[in-house]
Each structure stands twice: as structure tokens, then as C-alpha cells.
Amino acid sequence: MKVLAQPIEMISYTNDRGEIRPIRFRIQTEDGTVKVIKIDKVIVKEIEKLAGNQMIVFNCQSVINNDIKRFEIKYELKTCKWILFKI
């Protein structure tokens, strides 16, 4: 997987217990176009601490350009920002 660490726009679902589930996100590609990627499956959800910031890490799987791709997105709890970390 390639490390990107690129900020993304996310649509997520939060249930009544406060658990976050990502649904789909929008990313700007290298050529300037915007692409929407639907998250088909969350494989692993874990919490990590990176440079003192607590983050929720989601290892996900989606069909992108007719290929099944795995990627890692992070949600930074302190700033409420979503990051596409690896793809």
C-alpha cells in the first residue's frame, strides 16, 4: 500500500452508542477530478495514538475501477478530520 495522508471529505454514520461507521468519501485525484468511493466493507477498526493525537483507524475494502482495493482511513478525534492514509 502507498502512503498518501491526504485529507478527504467523508459521509459517515454514528449510532446511538457513538460508534462511527464510514459510508463513502470524496477525494481529489492527481488530475484535478473529484472521485467518490463507496466503502463496501470495514475489515478492522482500532484506536491508535500518533504524535499524541488519538485516531480511529479503519482498514476498509472497496471496488475501485473494477478492482477490489484495500485502504486505510483515519479519523482524528481532536480535530474531527478524516484522512486517507494508505491505498
Protein backbone atom coordinates (compact mmCIF):
# COMPACT_ATOMS: atom_id res chain seq x y z
CA MET A 1 0.00 0.00 0.00
CA LYS A 2 1.10 3.54 -0.81
CA VAL A 3 1.05 6.16 1.96
CA LEU A 4 -0.91 9.26 0.93
CA ALA A 5 -2.00 11.00 4.16
CA GLN A 6 -4.47 13.10 2.14
CA PRO A 7 -7.45 14.89 3.76
CA ILE A 8 -10.83 13.69 2.44
CA GLU A 9 -14.50 14.62 2.67
CA MET A 10 -16.42 11.82 4.40
CA ILE A 11 -20.03 10.78 4.85
CA SER A 12 -20.31 8.64 7.98
CA TYR A 13 -22.96 7.15 10.22
CA THR A 14 -22.92 7.42 14.03
CA ASN A 15 -25.23 5.19 16.04
CA ASP A 16 -26.81 5.92 19.43
CA ARG A 17 -23.74 4.49 21.23
CA GLY A 18 -21.42 6.95 19.47
CA GLU A 19 -19.76 4.39 17.18
CA ILE A 20 -18.67 5.84 13.83
CA ARG A 21 -19.03 3.91 10.56
CA PRO A 22 -17.71 5.46 7.33
CA ILE A 23 -20.07 5.20 4.33
CA ARG A 24 -18.34 6.94 1.40
CA PHE A 25 -15.77 9.62 0.77
CA ARG A 26 -14.77 12.11 -1.88
CA ILE A 27 -11.18 12.62 -2.96
CA GLN A 28 -9.48 14.88 -5.47
CA THR A 29 -7.30 12.90 -7.88
CA GLU A 30 -3.93 13.96 -9.29
CA ASP A 31 -5.51 15.28 -12.50
CA GLY A 32 -7.89 17.54 -10.53
CA THR A 33 -11.09 15.50 -10.89
CA VAL A 34 -13.20 14.55 -7.89
CA LYS A 35 -13.93 10.86 -7.27
CA VAL A 36 -16.49 9.36 -4.88
CA ILE A 37 -15.61 5.99 -3.35
CA LYS A 38 -18.24 3.90 -1.53
CA ILE A 39 -16.85 1.84 1.35
CA ASP A 40 -18.07 -1.72 0.85
CA LYS A 41 -16.59 -3.30 3.98
CA VAL A 42 -14.79 -2.22 7.16
CA ILE A 43 -12.35 -5.02 7.90
CA VAL A 44 -10.70 -3.74 11.10
CA LYS A 45 -11.40 -0.79 13.38
CA GLU A 46 -8.82 0.16 16.01
CA ILE A 47 -7.62 3.15 18.01
CA GLU A 48 -4.05 4.43 17.75
CA LYS A 49 -2.10 7.34 19.15
CA LEU A 50 0.01 9.21 16.58
CA ALA A 51 2.16 12.11 17.85
CA GLY A 52 -0.11 12.46 20.88
CA ASN A 53 -3.30 12.56 18.77
CA GLN A 54 -5.82 9.81 19.26
CA MET A 55 -7.15 8.42 15.96
CA ILE A 56 -9.64 5.78 14.94
CA VAL A 57 -8.13 3.68 12.14
CA PHE A 58 -10.40 1.90 9.66
CA ASN A 59 -8.98 -0.76 7.34
CA CYS A 60 -11.52 -0.91 4.53
CA GLN A 61 -12.25 -2.60 1.23
CA SER A 62 -14.00 -1.24 -1.88
CA VAL A 63 -14.34 -1.86 -5.58
CA ILE A 64 -12.36 0.89 -7.34
CA ASN A 65 -12.07 0.81 -11.16
CA ASN A 66 -13.43 -2.78 -11.18
CA ASP A 67 -10.68 -3.96 -8.78
CA ILE A 68 -11.07 -4.85 -5.11
CA LYS A 69 -8.79 -2.46 -3.22
CA ARG A 70 -7.89 -2.28 0.46
CA PHE A 71 -7.14 1.06 2.06
CA GLU A 72 -6.73 2.70 5.44
CA ILE A 73 -8.58 5.80 6.57
CA LYS A 74 -8.10 7.62 9.85
CA TYR A 75 -10.41 9.82 11.89
CA GLU A 76 -8.60 12.27 14.16
CA LEU A 77 -10.68 12.68 17.32
CA LYS A 78 -9.23 16.03 18.40
CA THR A 79 -9.86 17.90 15.11
CA CYS A 80 -12.66 15.70 13.65
CA LYS A 81 -10.74 15.34 10.36
CA TRP A 82 -10.73 12.34 8.02
CA ILE A 83 -7.52 11.25 6.29
CA LEU A 84 -6.97 8.71 3.52
CA PHE A 85 -3.74 7.30 4.89
CA LYS A 86 -2.88 4.30 2.69
CA ILE A 87 -4.23 2.87 -0.54
